[in-house]
Amino acid sequence: MVSALAFFFILTAYYIIRPVRDQLSGAVGSSQLPLFYTGTLAAMLVLTPIFGALVARFPRRRLLGWSYSFFMVCLLAFMPAFVAQDSIGARTLGVVFFIWVSVFNLFVVSLFWSFMADVFDSRRAREVFPLIALGGMAGAVFGPLVTGALVGMLGVAPLLLVSAAMLGAALLLLLRISVQRAQEGAAEQPVGGSLWAGIRELWSSPFLRYMAILMLLGDGIGTLAYALVADYAKAHLASSAARTAFYAHIDLAVNTLGACLQLTLTRWLLIRRGVVWAVVVPTLVNVTLMLIAAIVGHAEVSILGYGVPFLAIMMIATRGFMYGMTKPASDALYTRVPREMRYKGKNFVETAVWRFGDVLVTSGVTTLEGLGIGLGRIALIGAGIAAVASWVARKAATSPDLAPEDAGASVQDARAATES
């Protein structure tokens, strides 16, 4: 399937540069993460109305071409900076690159799934979205393998060139899908509407409000684990290459778990039990992980004879379920909302709202630690938040403003979806 192959290249590109970003946060520790996330949030608030204006004015083929080409050029422009990382400083380069990669991830990936929600009807989406996500998971596994294999030989900077090439391959495939669908004149027209529609719909749509709240609650556990792992990397890993390899191994474990879920439980749940189960199960997993973290704290778990901090296991599990189950399930829900909401509302939730949650979590953790509250009590708070997220996830999947699952499906839609 062309869509799955395109997503493979997108996530390969992202997971080649993600360890490069994370080694910078590992160099400075969690104390700098609020700064990183605040800068990212500011960038999202500036770029979201710009993205809305582009979606309103230009057909998706041009939007895909311009967006992906922009990020490819940026990747090449960052190469000299990483050659001079020691002289620039990890904190300075970290702020800039962390913000840029976060924007890359949220805009490139969010735009891809908005495009997919435009291509597939609801019934077909439940069948193929897990397969498309599986193609992405294959790229998410391949990317860390490429990073781990090349960083020792080539260094950090040349990895950006490899990432740009992968993104270019994804763009060519997406343009091919767009050409195949060009006979549907309405689908190729600009979305139209207001550039502020994504923000406005957050208040007017119950479904979008639930998704925004779920994003705030569900992201907290992963961000908490990320901050604590950053402190571990700062304390134990001295060089940028060692930190890059360390984060590549974590990403490999996360995405291997996500791929296994795509092959087994996720697709079965979506087809046999429906979207409600697929969005609720990961939140219940988060409750369990947080309760275990409250008991074991910083203890290590023996895996194949190696001691692994449980916090790393928690980070792997929460992200694995998010990418392997929550994401394809929530993206399937967006096939049942108006087209403008698929692009603008979805994009606002997955950019500005997500990073606002990161700022809240990292600032909250810093405050709690400053008050002398330890990991056990913080984990208990997290378990309570995850429990609330379970209720919100169910409300989102059964929101009254969602269209019926098979509404608007047609023979032409099904045939075009199969070809894509």
Protein backbone atom coordinates (compact mmCIF):
# COMPACT_ATOMS: atom_id res chain seq x y z
CA MET A 1 0.00 0.00 0.00
CA VAL A 2 1.41 3.35 -1.09
CA SER A 3 0.12 5.17 2.01
CA ALA A 4 1.87 2.76 4.37
CA LEU A 5 5.14 3.07 2.43
CA ALA A 6 4.92 6.87 2.56
CA PHE A 7 4.41 6.75 6.33
CA PHE A 8 7.38 4.38 6.56
CA PHE A 9 9.64 7.02 5.01
CA ILE A 10 8.16 9.82 7.14
CA LEU A 11 8.83 8.06 10.43
CA THR A 12 12.22 6.83 9.27
CA ALA A 13 13.14 10.48 8.63
CA TYR A 14 11.81 11.52 12.03
CA TYR A 15 13.40 8.72 14.04
CA ILE A 16 16.79 9.36 12.50
CA ILE A 17 16.81 12.91 13.89
CA ARG A 18 14.84 12.26 17.09
CA PRO A 19 17.84 10.73 18.94
CA VAL A 20 19.89 13.68 17.69
CA ARG A 21 17.40 16.01 19.40
CA ASP A 22 17.14 13.92 22.55
CA GLN A 23 20.89 13.78 23.09
CA LEU A 24 20.80 17.58 23.43
CA SER A 25 18.14 17.42 26.18
CA GLY A 26 20.14 14.61 27.78
CA ALA A 27 23.19 16.88 27.80
CA VAL A 28 21.41 19.55 29.90
CA GLY A 29 18.99 17.44 31.97
CA SER A 30 15.34 17.90 32.88
CA SER A 31 15.86 21.32 34.45
CA GLN A 32 15.99 22.86 30.96
CA LEU A 33 12.96 21.02 29.56
CA PRO A 34 10.43 23.71 30.61
CA LEU A 35 12.48 26.17 28.55
CA PHE A 36 12.55 23.80 25.58
CA TYR A 37 8.81 23.14 25.75
CA THR A 38 7.88 26.78 26.34
CA GLY A 39 9.80 27.74 23.22
CA THR A 40 8.06 24.97 21.31
CA LEU A 41 4.64 26.13 22.54
CA ALA A 42 5.40 29.70 21.45
CA ALA A 43 6.38 28.43 18.01
CA MET A 44 3.14 26.44 17.77
CA LEU A 45 1.00 29.45 18.68
CA VAL A 46 2.71 31.48 15.95
CA LEU A 47 2.59 28.76 13.29
CA THR A 48 -0.93 27.39 13.89
CA PRO A 49 -2.77 30.38 12.31
CA ILE A 50 -0.23 30.38 9.47
CA PHE A 51 -0.95 26.69 8.87
CA GLY A 52 -4.69 27.45 8.98
CA ALA A 53 -4.27 30.17 6.36
CA LEU A 54 -2.33 27.81 4.07
CA VAL A 55 -4.94 25.06 4.43
CA ALA A 56 -7.73 27.55 3.69
CA ARG A 57 -6.06 28.88 0.55
CA PHE A 58 -4.10 26.09 -1.16
CA PRO A 59 -5.00 22.58 -2.40
CA ARG A 60 -3.47 19.73 -0.41
CA ARG A 61 -0.98 18.81 -3.17
CA ARG A 62 0.68 22.21 -2.96
CA LEU A 63 0.46 22.20 0.83
CA LEU A 64 2.21 18.84 1.06
CA GLY A 65 4.87 19.86 -1.44
CA TRP A 66 5.71 23.18 0.19
CA SER A 67 5.62 21.89 3.77
CA TYR A 68 7.78 18.84 3.21
CA SER A 69 10.23 20.71 0.98
CA PHE A 70 10.64 23.40 3.66
CA PHE A 71 11.60 20.85 6.29
CA MET A 72 14.02 19.11 3.92
CA VAL A 73 15.84 22.40 3.33
CA CYS A 74 15.96 23.06 7.08
CA LEU A 75 17.55 19.66 7.73
CA LEU A 76 20.37 20.50 5.35
CA ALA A 77 20.78 23.95 6.92
CA PHE A 78 21.27 22.43 10.40
CA MET A 79 24.23 20.26 9.35
CA PRO A 80 26.94 22.93 9.89
CA ALA A 81 25.51 23.68 13.35
CA PHE A 82 26.00 20.10 14.50
CA VAL A 83 29.53 20.05 13.15
CA ALA A 84 30.16 22.99 15.53
CA GLN A 85 28.00 21.69 18.43
CA ASP A 86 30.79 21.88 21.01
CA SER A 87 31.51 25.51 20.25
CA ILE A 88 27.82 26.53 20.00
CA GLY A 89 26.88 24.72 23.20
CA ALA A 90 24.30 21.99 23.87
CA ARG A 91 21.89 24.39 25.58
CA THR A 92 21.79 26.97 22.78
CA LEU A 93 21.65 24.44 19.96
CA GLY A 94 19.29 22.33 22.03
CA VAL A 95 16.66 25.06 22.36
CA VAL A 96 16.66 25.77 18.63
CA PHE A 97 16.78 22.19 17.38
CA PHE A 98 14.40 20.81 20.02
CA ILE A 99 11.79 23.36 18.99
CA TRP A 100 12.37 22.72 15.29
CA VAL A 101 12.15 18.92 15.55
CA SER A 102 8.97 19.18 17.63
CA VAL A 103 7.45 21.40 14.95
CA PHE A 104 8.69 18.95 12.28
CA ASN A 105 7.09 16.00 14.06
CA LEU A 106 3.77 17.56 14.84
CA PHE A 107 3.24 19.36 11.55
CA VAL A 108 4.61 16.74 9.15
CA VAL A 109 2.95 13.78 10.88
CA SER A 110 -0.28 15.65 11.65
CA LEU A 111 -0.54 16.82 8.03
CA PHE A 112 -0.03 13.23 6.85
CA TRP A 113 -2.89 11.90 8.98
CA SER A 114 -5.16 14.80 8.03
CA PHE A 115 -4.48 13.84 4.41
CA MET A 116 -5.29 10.19 5.18
CA ALA A 117 -8.55 11.18 6.87
CA ASP A 118 -9.38 13.07 3.67
CA VAL A 119 -8.66 10.03 1.49
CA PHE A 120 -10.41 7.23 3.42
CA ASP A 121 -14.00 6.93 4.62
CA SER A 122 -14.75 5.82 8.20
CA ARG A 123 -15.36 2.13 7.49
CA ARG A 124 -12.26 1.79 5.34
CA ALA A 125 -10.18 3.79 7.83
CA ARG A 126 -10.83 1.25 10.59
CA GLU A 127 -9.47 -1.45 8.30
CA VAL A 128 -6.43 0.28 6.80
CA PHE A 129 -5.28 2.81 9.40
CA PRO A 130 -3.68 0.10 11.57
CA LEU A 131 -1.85 -1.14 8.46
CA ILE A 132 -0.72 2.37 7.56
CA ALA A 133 0.41 2.89 11.15
CA LEU A 134 2.23 -0.44 10.95
CA GLY A 135 4.14 0.86 7.93
CA GLY A 136 5.06 3.88 10.04
CA MET A 137 6.13 1.63 12.90
CA ALA A 138 8.43 -0.23 10.52
CA GLY A 139 10.01 3.12 9.69
CA ALA A 140 10.14 4.00 13.38
CA VAL A 141 12.09 0.79 13.99
CA PHE A 142 14.30 1.24 10.93
CA GLY A 143 15.18 4.86 11.78
CA PRO A 144 16.83 4.12 15.16
CA LEU A 145 18.66 1.17 13.58
CA VAL A 146 20.07 3.49 10.91
CA THR A 147 21.02 6.05 13.56
CA GLY A 148 22.71 3.48 15.80
CA ALA A 149 24.63 2.01 12.87
CA LEU A 150 25.79 5.30 11.30
CA VAL A 151 26.38 7.69 14.21
CA GLY A 152 29.56 5.92 15.31
CA MET A 153 31.00 5.94 11.80
CA LEU A 154 29.80 9.27 10.40
CA GLY A 155 29.00 11.37 13.46
CA VAL A 156 25.80 13.28 14.14
CA ALA A 157 25.65 15.89 11.33
CA PRO A 158 25.47 13.53 8.29
CA LEU A 159 22.38 11.87 9.77
CA LEU A 160 20.41 15.00 8.85
CA LEU A 161 21.17 14.43 5.16
CA VAL A 162 19.88 10.85 5.38
CA SER A 163 16.71 12.11 7.08
CA ALA A 164 16.11 14.69 4.34
CA ALA A 165 16.39 11.98 1.67
CA MET A 166 13.79 9.84 3.46
CA LEU A 167 11.39 12.78 3.71
CA GLY A 168 11.81 13.44 0.00
CA ALA A 169 10.85 9.85 -0.79
CA ALA A 170 7.70 10.21 1.34
CA LEU A 171 6.74 13.40 -0.48
CA LEU A 172 6.94 11.71 -3.88
CA LEU A 173 4.62 8.93 -2.73
CA LEU A 174 2.08 11.33 -1.21
CA LEU A 175 2.00 13.38 -4.40
CA ARG A 176 1.33 10.15 -6.30
CA ILE A 177 -1.70 9.45 -4.08
CA SER A 178 -2.90 13.02 -4.57
CA VAL A 179 -2.67 12.67 -8.36
CA GLN A 180 -4.66 9.41 -8.20
CA ARG A 181 -7.41 11.20 -6.30
CA ALA A 182 -7.37 14.31 -8.52
CA GLN A 183 -10.53 13.23 -10.35
CA GLU A 184 -12.48 14.04 -7.16
CA GLY A 185 -12.55 17.78 -7.69
CA ALA A 186 -13.92 18.65 -4.25
CA ALA A 187 -11.19 16.72 -2.46
CA GLU A 188 -8.50 18.64 -4.28
CA GLN A 189 -10.01 22.04 -3.58
CA PRO A 190 -8.65 24.17 -0.73
CA VAL A 191 -10.39 23.46 2.57
CA GLY A 192 -11.41 27.11 2.85
CA GLY A 193 -12.81 28.75 5.96
CA SER A 194 -11.06 30.88 8.56
CA LEU A 195 -7.41 30.58 9.49
CA TRP A 196 -8.56 30.62 13.15
CA ALA A 197 -11.01 27.76 12.61
CA GLY A 198 -8.89 25.24 14.52
CA ILE A 199 -8.97 27.39 17.66
CA ARG A 200 -12.66 28.29 17.27
CA GLU A 201 -13.71 24.67 16.78
CA LEU A 202 -12.00 23.71 20.03
CA TRP A 203 -14.76 25.61 21.85
CA SER A 204 -17.67 24.74 19.56
CA SER A 205 -17.10 21.00 19.04
CA PRO A 206 -17.60 18.58 21.98
CA PHE A 207 -15.50 15.96 20.18
CA LEU A 208 -12.57 18.32 19.70
CA ARG A 209 -12.77 19.47 23.33
CA TYR A 210 -12.60 15.87 24.52
CA MET A 211 -9.64 15.20 22.24
CA ALA A 212 -7.83 18.28 23.56
CA ILE A 213 -8.40 17.23 27.18
CA LEU A 214 -7.31 13.69 26.37
CA MET A 215 -4.14 15.08 24.79
CA LEU A 216 -3.36 17.07 27.97
CA LEU A 217 -4.02 14.15 30.31
CA GLY A 218 -2.58 11.33 28.22
CA ASP A 219 0.68 13.10 27.38
CA GLY A 220 1.61 13.73 31.02
CA ILE A 221 2.96 10.28 31.87
CA GLY A 222 5.19 10.10 28.81
CA THR A 223 6.54 13.59 29.45
CA LEU A 224 7.25 12.74 33.09
CA ALA A 225 9.19 9.65 32.07
CA TYR A 226 11.06 11.65 29.42
CA ALA A 227 12.18 14.22 31.98
CA LEU A 228 13.46 11.59 34.40
CA VAL A 229 15.28 9.69 31.66
CA ALA A 230 16.91 12.97 30.58
CA ASP A 231 18.39 13.28 34.09
CA TYR A 232 19.69 9.72 33.83
CA ALA A 233 21.35 10.45 30.47
CA LYS A 234 22.97 13.61 31.81
CA ALA A 235 24.43 11.73 34.78
CA HIS A 236 25.67 8.61 32.97
CA LEU A 237 26.41 9.49 29.32
CA ALA A 238 29.10 12.04 28.56
CA SER A 239 29.36 12.26 24.75
CA SER A 240 26.77 13.32 22.18
CA ALA A 241 27.31 10.09 20.21
CA ALA A 242 26.70 7.94 23.33
CA ARG A 243 23.53 9.82 24.20
CA THR A 244 22.31 9.61 20.60
CA ALA A 245 22.83 5.83 20.59
CA PHE A 246 21.10 5.50 24.00
CA TYR A 247 17.99 7.33 22.83
CA ALA A 248 18.03 5.39 19.57
CA HIS A 249 17.83 2.15 21.60
CA ILE A 250 14.86 3.49 23.57
CA ASP A 251 13.13 4.52 20.34
CA LEU A 252 13.79 1.07 18.89
CA ALA A 253 12.12 -0.59 21.89
CA VAL A 254 9.16 1.83 21.78
CA ASN A 255 8.52 1.26 18.11
CA THR A 256 9.03 -2.49 18.25
CA LEU A 257 6.31 -2.62 20.89
CA GLY A 258 4.10 -0.37 18.77
CA ALA A 259 4.60 -2.59 15.72
CA CYS A 260 3.70 -5.69 17.72
CA LEU A 261 0.50 -4.00 18.89
CA GLN A 262 -0.35 -3.06 15.29
CA LEU A 263 0.11 -6.64 14.19
CA THR A 264 -2.02 -8.08 16.97
CA LEU A 265 -4.28 -6.24 19.38
CA THR A 266 -4.93 -2.84 17.75
CA ARG A 267 -6.44 -3.97 14.46
CA TRP A 268 -8.49 -6.66 16.23
CA LEU A 269 -9.91 -4.08 18.63
CA LEU A 270 -10.73 -1.56 15.91
CA ILE A 271 -12.48 -4.08 13.68
CA ARG A 272 -14.11 -6.37 16.24
CA ARG A 273 -14.70 -4.12 19.26
CA GLY A 274 -14.68 -0.61 17.85
CA VAL A 275 -12.75 2.60 18.45
CA VAL A 276 -13.92 3.03 22.05
CA TRP A 277 -11.88 0.08 23.30
CA ALA A 278 -8.82 1.12 21.27
CA VAL A 279 -8.68 4.58 22.89
CA VAL A 280 -9.51 3.41 26.42
CA VAL A 281 -7.12 0.44 26.77
CA PRO A 282 -3.90 2.57 26.60
CA THR A 283 -5.16 4.82 29.41
CA LEU A 284 -5.77 1.77 31.61
CA VAL A 285 -2.23 0.61 30.85
CA ASN A 286 -0.98 4.02 31.98
CA VAL A 287 -2.86 3.70 35.28
CA THR A 288 -1.17 0.34 35.90
CA LEU A 289 2.31 1.63 35.03
CA MET A 290 1.99 4.64 37.30
CA LEU A 291 0.87 2.48 40.23
CA ILE A 292 3.87 0.20 39.70
CA ALA A 293 6.17 3.24 39.50
CA ALA A 294 4.76 4.46 42.82
CA ILE A 295 5.85 1.16 44.39
CA VAL A 296 9.23 0.44 42.76
CA GLY A 297 10.47 4.00 42.11
CA HIS A 298 13.94 4.10 40.60
CA ALA A 299 14.52 0.35 40.88
CA GLU A 300 16.07 -1.52 37.97
CA VAL A 301 14.46 -4.42 36.14
CA SER A 302 16.61 -7.26 34.82
CA ILE A 303 16.05 -7.89 31.10
CA LEU A 304 18.27 -10.46 29.36
CA GLY A 305 20.83 -10.02 32.12
CA TYR A 306 20.90 -6.21 31.85
CA GLY A 307 19.62 -3.85 34.52
CA VAL A 308 17.12 -1.39 33.04
CA PRO A 309 15.56 1.43 35.13
CA PHE A 310 11.81 0.87 35.47
CA LEU A 311 11.30 4.49 34.43
CA ALA A 312 12.75 3.59 31.03
CA ILE A 313 10.35 0.64 30.85
CA MET A 314 7.48 2.99 31.70
CA MET A 315 8.54 5.41 28.97
CA ILE A 316 8.77 2.58 26.44
CA ALA A 317 5.36 1.14 27.36
CA THR A 318 3.45 4.44 27.42
CA ARG A 319 4.85 5.57 24.09
CA GLY A 320 4.48 2.13 22.53
CA PHE A 321 0.76 2.07 23.33
CA MET A 322 0.33 5.69 22.26
CA TYR A 323 1.88 5.14 18.83
CA GLY A 324 0.69 1.55 18.40
CA MET A 325 -2.92 1.92 19.54
CA THR A 326 -4.07 5.41 20.59
CA LYS A 327 -2.87 7.18 17.44
CA PRO A 328 -4.51 4.98 14.77
CA ALA A 329 -7.71 4.83 16.83
CA SER A 330 -7.96 8.60 17.32
CA ASP A 331 -7.06 9.24 13.68
CA ALA A 332 -9.92 6.94 12.64
CA LEU A 333 -12.29 9.15 14.65
CA TYR A 334 -11.28 12.19 12.59
CA THR A 335 -12.75 10.56 9.46
CA ARG A 336 -16.16 11.26 11.04
CA VAL A 337 -15.82 15.06 11.34
CA PRO A 338 -16.04 17.87 8.74
CA ARG A 339 -13.06 18.34 6.45
CA GLU A 340 -12.03 21.68 7.92
CA MET A 341 -11.83 20.13 11.39
CA ARG A 342 -9.66 17.26 10.06
CA TYR A 343 -6.98 19.73 9.06
CA LYS A 344 -7.30 22.79 11.29
CA GLY A 345 -8.90 21.48 14.49
CA LYS A 346 -6.86 18.29 14.53
CA ASN A 347 -3.69 20.20 13.81
CA PHE A 348 -4.32 22.66 16.66
CA VAL A 349 -4.91 19.85 19.16
CA GLU A 350 -1.81 17.96 18.03
CA THR A 351 0.45 21.02 18.05
CA ALA A 352 -0.39 23.85 20.42
CA VAL A 353 -2.48 21.81 22.88
CA TRP A 354 0.12 19.03 23.02
CA ARG A 355 3.00 21.37 23.75
CA PHE A 356 0.96 23.35 26.26
CA GLY A 357 0.55 20.05 28.10
CA ASP A 358 4.31 19.48 27.98
CA VAL A 359 4.92 22.87 29.57
CA LEU A 360 2.38 22.12 32.32
CA VAL A 361 3.85 18.70 33.09
CA THR A 362 7.52 19.65 33.13
CA SER A 363 6.86 22.80 35.14
CA GLY A 364 4.65 20.83 37.52
CA VAL A 365 7.28 18.15 38.05
CA THR A 366 9.92 20.79 38.73
CA THR A 367 7.61 22.48 41.25
CA LEU A 368 6.68 19.23 43.01
CA GLU A 369 10.31 18.17 43.27
CA GLY A 370 11.17 21.61 44.63
CA LEU A 371 8.56 21.07 47.36
CA GLY A 372 10.23 17.81 48.30
CA ILE A 373 7.58 15.52 46.81
CA GLY A 374 9.20 12.28 45.70
CA LEU A 375 8.66 9.98 42.74
CA GLY A 376 6.18 7.73 44.57
CA ARG A 377 3.68 10.50 45.27
CA ILE A 378 4.15 12.03 41.84
CA ALA A 379 3.39 8.62 40.33
CA LEU A 380 0.19 8.34 42.38
CA ILE A 381 -0.92 11.72 41.06
CA GLY A 382 -0.17 10.44 37.57
CA ALA A 383 -2.29 7.33 38.17
CA GLY A 384 -5.23 9.52 39.11
CA ILE A 385 -4.77 11.63 35.99
CA ALA A 386 -4.60 8.50 33.82
CA ALA A 387 -7.84 7.25 35.38
CA VAL A 388 -9.58 10.50 34.44
CA ALA A 389 -8.13 10.14 30.93
CA SER A 390 -9.92 6.77 30.61
CA TRP A 391 -13.27 8.44 31.14
CA VAL A 392 -12.42 11.29 28.72
CA ALA A 393 -11.28 8.80 26.05
CA ARG A 394 -14.64 7.03 26.16
CA LYS A 395 -16.50 10.34 25.93
CA ALA A 396 -14.42 11.37 22.90
CA ALA A 397 -15.10 8.13 21.04
CA THR A 398 -18.85 8.42 21.66
CA SER A 399 -19.18 12.19 21.19
CA PRO A 400 -22.62 13.19 19.83
CA ASP A 401 -21.19 15.41 17.07
CA LEU A 402 -19.36 12.52 15.38
CA ALA A 403 -20.96 11.35 12.14
CA PRO A 404 -22.15 7.72 11.96
CA GLU A 405 -19.26 5.45 11.09
CA ASP A 406 -20.39 4.62 7.55
CA ALA A 407 -21.92 7.98 6.70
CA GLY A 408 -20.86 9.35 3.35
CA ALA A 409 -19.20 6.14 2.17
CA SER A 410 -19.58 5.32 -1.49
CA VAL A 411 -18.42 2.71 -3.96
CA GLN A 412 -16.09 5.27 -5.51
CA ASP A 413 -14.59 6.11 -2.10
CA ALA A 414 -13.97 2.44 -1.32
CA ARG A 415 -12.37 1.79 -4.70
CA ALA A 416 -10.12 4.86 -4.48
CA ALA A 417 -9.16 3.98 -0.91
CA THR A 418 -8.13 0.48 -1.99
CA GLU A 419 -5.98 1.89 -4.80
CA SER A 420 -4.26 4.25 -2.39
